[in-house]
Protein backbone atom coordinates (compact mmCIF):
# COMPACT_ATOMS: atom_id res chain seq x y z
CA UNK A 1 90.04 121.01 108.35
CA UNK A 2 90.31 124.57 107.06
CA UNK A 3 88.40 126.31 104.23
CA UNK A 4 90.22 126.53 100.92
CA UNK A 5 92.08 129.74 99.99
CA UNK A 6 90.06 131.76 97.46
CA UNK A 7 92.57 131.42 94.60
CA UNK A 8 91.46 127.82 93.92
CA UNK A 9 88.15 127.88 92.02
CA UNK A 10 85.04 126.08 93.20
CA UNK A 11 84.06 123.88 90.26
CA UNK A 12 81.93 120.74 89.93
CA UNK A 13 84.75 119.07 88.00
CA UNK A 14 87.20 119.76 90.84
CA UNK A 15 85.78 117.92 93.82
CA UNK A 16 89.34 116.79 94.62
CA UNK A 17 92.14 119.34 94.34
CA UNK A 18 95.86 118.97 95.04
CA UNK A 19 97.38 122.45 95.11
CA UNK A 20 100.44 123.97 96.77
CA UNK A 21 101.36 120.54 98.18
CA UNK A 22 98.01 120.30 99.95
CA UNK A 23 94.86 118.25 99.48
CA UNK A 24 91.51 120.04 99.33
CA UNK A 25 88.08 118.44 99.12
CA UNK A 26 84.87 120.13 98.07
CA UNK A 27 82.56 119.64 101.05
CA UNK A 28 79.60 117.83 99.48
CA UNK A 29 77.62 117.96 102.73
CA UNK A 30 76.86 121.65 102.25
CA UNK A 31 76.19 121.71 98.50
CA UNK A 32 74.39 123.33 96.75
CA UNK A 33 73.98 126.16 99.27
CA UNK A 34 77.74 126.56 99.78
CA UNK A 35 80.75 125.68 97.63
CA UNK A 36 83.37 125.21 100.33
CA UNK A 37 86.70 123.39 100.16
CA UNK A 38 88.32 121.83 103.23
CA UNK A 39 92.04 121.24 103.63
CA UNK A 40 93.22 117.74 104.55
CA UNK A 41 96.50 117.80 106.45
CA UNK A 42 96.72 114.17 107.55
CA UNK A 43 95.68 110.68 106.48
CA UNK A 44 93.38 110.52 109.51
CA UNK A 45 91.62 113.75 108.48
CA UNK A 46 91.24 112.35 104.98
CA UNK A 47 89.72 109.15 106.36
CA UNK A 48 87.31 111.21 108.46
CA UNK A 49 86.32 113.20 105.38
CA UNK A 50 85.52 109.98 103.52
CA UNK A 51 83.59 108.55 106.48
CA UNK A 52 81.72 111.81 107.12
CA UNK A 53 80.65 112.19 103.47
CA UNK A 54 82.71 115.29 102.71
CA UNK A 55 83.70 113.25 99.67
CA UNK A 56 81.60 110.32 98.43
CA UNK A 57 81.17 108.14 95.39
CA UNK A 58 83.38 105.08 94.92
CA UNK A 59 85.77 106.46 92.26
CA UNK A 60 86.18 109.76 94.12
CA UNK A 61 86.86 107.87 97.34
CA UNK A 62 89.56 105.88 95.56
CA UNK A 63 91.24 109.00 94.21
CA UNK A 64 91.01 110.71 97.60
CA UNK A 65 92.51 107.69 99.34
CA UNK A 66 95.51 107.79 97.00
CA UNK A 67 96.22 111.37 98.04
CA UNK A 68 95.58 110.32 101.65
CA UNK A 69 98.45 107.84 101.29
CA UNK A 70 100.66 110.71 100.15
CA UNK A 71 99.79 112.57 103.36
CA UNK A 72 100.47 109.41 105.39
CA UNK A 73 103.89 109.15 103.74
CA UNK A 74 104.63 112.80 104.49
CA UNK A 75 103.70 112.37 108.14
CA UNK A 76 105.75 109.22 108.49
CA UNK A 77 108.84 110.60 106.74
CA UNK A 78 108.77 113.72 108.90
CA UNK A 79 108.52 111.56 112.02
CA UNK A 80 110.84 108.66 111.12
CA UNK A 81 113.06 109.79 108.26
CA UNK A 82 114.57 106.77 106.49
CA UNK A 83 112.41 104.54 108.70
CA UNK A 84 109.21 105.99 107.24
CA UNK A 85 107.70 102.55 106.67
CA UNK A 86 107.16 102.28 110.45
CA UNK A 87 104.43 104.89 110.42
CA UNK A 88 102.78 104.73 107.03
CA UNK A 89 100.85 101.53 107.73
CA UNK A 90 98.73 103.11 110.46
CA UNK A 91 97.68 105.88 108.09
CA UNK A 92 96.75 103.40 105.39
CA UNK A 93 94.83 101.25 107.89
CA UNK A 94 92.88 104.34 108.94
CA UNK A 95 91.97 105.05 105.33
CA UNK A 96 90.96 101.42 104.74
CA UNK A 97 88.54 101.53 107.66
CA UNK A 98 86.69 104.62 106.43
CA UNK A 99 84.02 103.05 104.13
CA UNK A 100 83.56 99.28 103.68
CA UNK A 101 81.47 99.01 100.50
CA UNK A 102 83.34 101.21 98.01
CA UNK A 103 85.81 98.75 96.50
CA UNK A 104 87.70 101.54 94.68
CA UNK A 105 89.02 102.54 98.10
CA UNK A 106 90.78 99.21 98.55
CA UNK A 107 91.82 99.04 94.90
CA UNK A 108 93.53 102.40 95.26
CA UNK A 109 95.25 101.50 98.54
CA UNK A 110 96.50 98.21 97.08
CA UNK A 111 97.91 100.04 94.08
CA UNK A 112 99.71 102.52 96.30
CA UNK A 113 100.96 99.69 98.53
CA UNK A 114 102.39 97.93 95.49
CA UNK A 115 104.41 101.03 94.70
CA UNK A 116 105.48 101.46 98.32
CA UNK A 117 106.97 97.95 98.31
CA UNK A 118 109.33 99.02 95.52
CA UNK A 119 110.65 102.19 97.19
CA UNK A 120 113.90 102.70 99.07
CA UNK A 121 114.50 104.62 102.31
CA UNK A 122 114.45 108.07 100.70
CA UNK A 123 111.47 110.43 100.89
CA UNK A 124 108.53 108.52 99.32
CA UNK A 125 106.24 111.51 98.86
CA UNK A 126 107.28 112.64 95.33
CA UNK A 127 106.86 109.16 93.85
CA UNK A 128 103.58 108.48 95.64
CA UNK A 129 102.23 111.90 94.68
CA UNK A 130 102.98 111.19 91.04
CA UNK A 131 101.04 107.93 91.32
CA UNK A 132 98.10 109.62 93.02
CA UNK A 133 97.93 112.16 90.19
CA UNK A 134 98.08 109.28 87.72
CA UNK A 135 95.14 107.52 89.44
CA UNK A 136 93.18 110.78 89.32
CA UNK A 137 93.90 111.37 85.63
CA UNK A 138 93.13 107.77 84.72
CA UNK A 139 89.76 107.99 86.46
CA UNK A 140 88.76 111.06 84.46
CA UNK A 141 89.86 109.39 81.22
CA UNK A 142 87.93 106.22 82.15
CA UNK A 143 84.78 108.24 82.83
CA UNK A 144 84.99 109.97 79.48
CA UNK A 145 85.54 106.68 77.67
CA UNK A 146 82.70 104.83 79.40
CA UNK A 147 80.50 107.90 78.99
CA UNK A 148 80.88 107.70 75.23
CA UNK A 149 80.36 103.92 75.19
CA UNK A 150 77.21 104.21 77.28
CA UNK A 151 75.83 106.98 75.11
CA UNK A 152 76.14 104.70 72.08
CA UNK A 153 73.64 102.30 73.68
CA UNK A 154 70.92 104.97 73.61
CA UNK A 155 69.40 104.46 70.19
CA UNK A 156 66.99 107.37 69.98
CA UNK A 157 66.23 110.60 71.79
CA UNK A 158 64.64 109.85 75.16
CA UNK A 159 64.45 110.79 78.81
CA UNK A 160 66.29 108.84 81.51
CA UNK A 161 66.16 108.31 85.26
CA UNK A 162 69.21 108.27 87.51
CA UNK A 163 69.59 107.60 91.23
CA UNK A 164 71.96 109.16 93.77
CA UNK A 165 74.96 111.02 92.32
CA UNK A 166 77.38 109.38 89.93
CA UNK A 167 78.72 112.55 88.38
CA UNK A 168 81.89 114.62 88.48
CA UNK A 169 81.44 114.98 92.24
CA UNK A 170 81.50 111.20 92.72
CA UNK A 171 84.54 110.60 90.52
CA UNK A 172 87.80 112.21 89.52
CA UNK A 173 85.74 114.25 87.07
CA UNK A 174 83.01 113.98 84.35
CA UNK A 175 81.17 111.12 86.05
CA UNK A 176 80.04 107.55 85.40
CA UNK A 177 76.23 107.57 85.09
CA UNK A 178 76.33 111.32 84.53
CA UNK A 179 79.27 110.79 82.20
CA UNK A 180 76.96 108.69 80.01
CA UNK A 181 74.26 111.33 80.31
CA UNK A 182 76.70 114.15 79.46
CA UNK A 183 77.95 112.29 76.38
CA UNK A 184 74.41 111.39 75.32
CA UNK A 185 73.26 115.00 75.81
CA UNK A 186 76.13 116.22 73.63
CA UNK A 187 74.99 113.71 70.98
CA UNK A 188 71.43 115.04 71.10
CA UNK A 189 69.99 111.88 72.64
CA UNK A 190 68.70 113.19 75.98
CA UNK A 191 65.47 115.14 76.35
CA UNK A 192 65.35 115.27 80.15
CA UNK A 193 66.90 113.64 83.18
CA UNK A 194 64.71 112.58 86.09
CA UNK A 195 66.79 112.49 89.26
CA UNK A 196 65.65 110.58 92.34
CA UNK A 197 66.20 112.82 95.36
CA UNK A 198 67.90 109.89 97.18
CA UNK A 199 67.06 109.83 100.86
CA UNK A 200 68.47 110.25 103.44
CA UNK A 201 71.47 112.29 102.22
CA UNK A 202 69.60 113.73 99.21
CA UNK A 203 72.51 113.31 96.80
CA UNK A 204 70.10 113.40 93.88
CA UNK A 205 68.53 116.72 94.78
CA UNK A 206 71.59 118.41 96.24
CA UNK A 207 74.30 117.10 93.91
CA UNK A 208 72.98 115.50 90.71
CA UNK A 209 70.45 118.24 90.00
CA UNK A 210 73.12 120.85 90.78
CA UNK A 211 75.61 119.29 88.35
CA UNK A 212 73.09 118.88 85.54
CA UNK A 213 71.70 122.38 86.01
CA UNK A 214 75.24 123.79 85.80
CA UNK A 215 75.66 121.94 82.49
CA UNK A 216 72.27 123.24 81.29
CA UNK A 217 70.93 119.68 80.95
CA UNK A 218 67.16 119.65 81.68
CA UNK A 219 66.58 117.93 85.03
CA UNK A 220 63.47 117.21 87.08
CA UNK A 221 63.59 115.95 90.65
CA UNK A 222 61.54 112.98 91.82
CA UNK A 223 60.93 111.65 95.28
CA UNK A 224 62.37 108.13 95.38
CA UNK A 225 58.89 106.68 95.69
CA UNK A 226 57.67 108.49 92.55
CA UNK A 227 60.06 106.77 90.11
CA UNK A 228 57.80 103.78 89.38
CA UNK A 229 54.85 106.03 88.61
CA UNK A 230 57.00 108.17 86.31
CA UNK A 231 58.19 105.03 84.48
CA UNK A 232 54.57 104.06 83.99
CA UNK A 233 53.84 107.38 82.25
CA UNK A 234 56.36 106.47 79.53
CA UNK A 235 58.92 108.37 77.49
CA UNK A 236 61.84 106.87 79.44
CA UNK A 237 64.00 104.22 77.78
CA UNK A 238 66.84 103.89 80.30
CA UNK A 239 67.62 103.92 83.99
CA UNK A 240 71.30 104.89 84.28
CA UNK A 241 73.15 104.49 87.59
CA UNK A 242 76.66 104.11 88.95
CA UNK A 243 78.01 101.52 91.37
CA UNK A 244 80.18 101.24 94.46
CA UNK A 245 81.02 97.58 93.90
CA UNK A 246 80.20 95.04 91.19
CA UNK A 247 80.52 91.34 91.97
CA UNK A 248 82.08 88.80 89.62
CA UNK A 249 78.66 87.62 88.48
CA UNK A 250 77.42 91.12 87.63
CA UNK A 251 75.42 91.80 90.80
CA UNK A 252 75.64 95.52 91.53
CA UNK A 253 75.91 97.33 94.86
CA UNK A 254 74.79 100.93 94.62
CA UNK A 255 73.02 103.54 96.73
CA UNK A 256 69.98 102.24 98.61
CA UNK A 257 66.94 102.48 96.36
CA UNK A 258 68.72 101.29 93.21
CA UNK A 259 67.27 97.79 93.60
CA UNK A 260 63.69 99.01 93.81
CA UNK A 261 64.27 101.29 90.82
CA UNK A 262 65.64 98.36 88.80
CA UNK A 263 62.64 96.19 89.75
CA UNK A 264 60.27 98.96 88.64
CA UNK A 265 62.21 99.42 85.41
CA UNK A 266 62.00 95.71 84.60
CA UNK A 267 58.23 95.74 85.16
CA UNK A 268 57.80 98.66 82.77
CA UNK A 269 60.14 97.38 80.07
CA UNK A 270 62.77 100.05 80.72
CA UNK A 271 66.43 99.06 80.38
CA UNK A 272 68.95 99.40 83.22
CA UNK A 273 72.51 100.60 82.54
CA UNK A 274 75.22 100.52 85.22
CA UNK A 275 78.21 102.75 84.45
CA UNK A 276 81.41 102.16 86.42
CA UNK A 277 85.16 101.82 85.86
CA UNK A 278 86.69 98.35 86.07
CA UNK A 279 88.26 99.36 89.40
CA UNK A 280 84.72 99.00 90.79
CA UNK A 281 84.54 95.31 89.80
CA UNK A 282 85.52 92.98 92.64
CA UNK A 283 86.35 89.57 91.21
CA UNK A 284 86.86 88.22 94.73
CA UNK A 285 83.15 88.72 95.42
CA UNK A 286 81.44 85.77 93.75
CA UNK A 287 78.04 87.43 93.99
CA UNK A 288 76.29 90.32 95.66
CA UNK A 289 75.94 88.20 98.79
CA UNK A 290 79.68 88.67 99.36
CA UNK A 291 79.57 92.48 99.17
CA UNK A 292 79.72 94.17 102.60
CA UNK A 293 76.83 96.61 102.96
CA UNK A 294 77.54 99.62 105.13
CA UNK A 295 74.93 100.69 107.67
CA UNK A 296 74.99 104.17 109.11
CA UNK A 297 73.52 105.96 112.11
CA UNK A 298 69.69 105.71 112.25
CA UNK A 299 69.63 109.44 113.02
CA UNK A 300 70.29 110.09 109.34
CA UNK A 301 66.80 108.72 108.61
CA UNK A 302 65.11 110.04 111.74
CA UNK A 303 66.31 113.60 111.11
CA UNK A 304 66.25 115.94 108.14
CA UNK A 305 67.95 119.32 107.89
CA UNK A 306 69.03 119.04 111.51
CA UNK A 307 65.48 118.56 112.74
CA UNK A 308 63.86 115.42 114.13
CA UNK A 309 61.15 114.03 111.83
CA UNK A 310 60.76 110.55 113.34
CA UNK A 311 58.64 110.05 116.42
CA UNK A 312 60.59 109.92 119.66
CA UNK A 313 61.45 106.35 120.58
CA UNK A 314 61.17 105.07 116.98
CA UNK A 315 64.21 103.29 115.52
CA UNK A 316 65.33 103.26 111.87
CA UNK A 317 67.08 100.80 109.54
CA UNK A 318 69.70 102.67 107.53
CA UNK A 319 71.66 100.54 105.05
CA UNK A 320 73.56 102.83 102.69
CA UNK A 321 73.55 100.45 99.72
CA UNK A 322 71.52 97.63 98.25
CA UNK A 323 72.36 94.91 95.74
CA UNK A 324 70.68 94.76 92.34
CA UNK A 325 70.88 91.21 90.91
CA UNK A 326 72.59 90.89 87.52
CA UNK A 327 69.36 89.56 86.01
CA UNK A 328 67.88 93.06 86.33
CA UNK A 329 70.85 94.74 84.62
CA UNK A 330 70.81 95.11 80.83
CA UNK A 331 74.32 96.50 80.47
CA UNK A 332 77.39 97.24 82.56
CA UNK A 333 79.46 99.94 80.87
CA UNK A 334 83.17 100.28 81.69
CA UNK A 335 86.14 101.97 80.10
CA UNK A 336 87.15 98.55 78.72
CA UNK A 337 83.83 97.92 77.04
CA UNK A 338 80.18 97.02 77.52
CA UNK A 339 78.88 93.81 79.09
CA UNK A 340 75.33 93.04 77.98
CA UNK A 341 73.18 90.84 80.26
CA UNK A 342 76.14 90.38 82.64
CA UNK A 343 77.17 87.06 84.14
CA UNK A 344 80.37 85.57 85.56
CA UNK A 345 81.70 84.40 82.22
CA UNK A 346 81.23 87.79 80.57
CA UNK A 347 82.65 89.74 83.50
CA UNK A 348 85.70 87.44 83.62
CA UNK A 349 86.29 87.95 79.92
CA UNK A 350 86.06 91.73 80.35
CA UNK A 351 88.53 91.79 83.21
CA UNK A 352 91.03 89.59 81.38
CA UNK A 353 90.91 91.68 78.22
């Protein structure tokens, strides 16, 4: 992976860039200290970038995977010509294996596969590239729509808490949870955003605070363990988060720590809003019990900033996500509409609309 040529701007709304027939990803591992783009030349490199957290956030992973399929098609056509179907499957399988919890990844690959099944033996890249751009554009439009719908739920000026990063960096652009916050800020409804730092990758401190500061939205960082105490102080009406997968009954898988935040919110009478596009809803998962939860290397918890912080010989449990039961969720906001007090019947009606 090579750094991006300087003519392409580093911008929070351009975490995923297709330029000059190449895919570039803003390396979110080094933000906010560096704004560095890496070039993806193959589907395998794209899968590695997803797995290694160069790009993260379910919608952004889905968009990236679509462009990864374009690279897989290019590789296969160059190697096999009219027999390009022989090689594209391995590239798509590699992409599918990169992150298990983010359902947008599989949604995107299935959509691209559906198009592939309709193509002839000629070069598939132009058609697949057009579809990848369409997926990207649709995601941005969805975020703006759900951002406005979510903002409408905030009745009076207040402060909010968010967890992890569900902003432009985690999507095609604008954001889901931060999309709601951006729309609400524009409407004069947000006083301040409290951002959980989000251990162990610190997406809240490195990414969310960076995005909000760039937009001149007042933001204050919290350690994850401080959120309950801040809720107790008052002045916060909503917890607003994104999601990597939503089950058919409204259970929500999101970054580890979301569940404890939702429990604390319920105790303090603070509402919980989950903002996500409908591509994040997995109707094949009856409940949160059916959502695969990714676990990562314990070293991510035992180390910080490249230095060991855990005692030698101590192990760590490092699930990346947790499941927040639907009973703790006041509203799921999508581009299709809002589901209040979600359950299977309401989610089914939304998805069939």
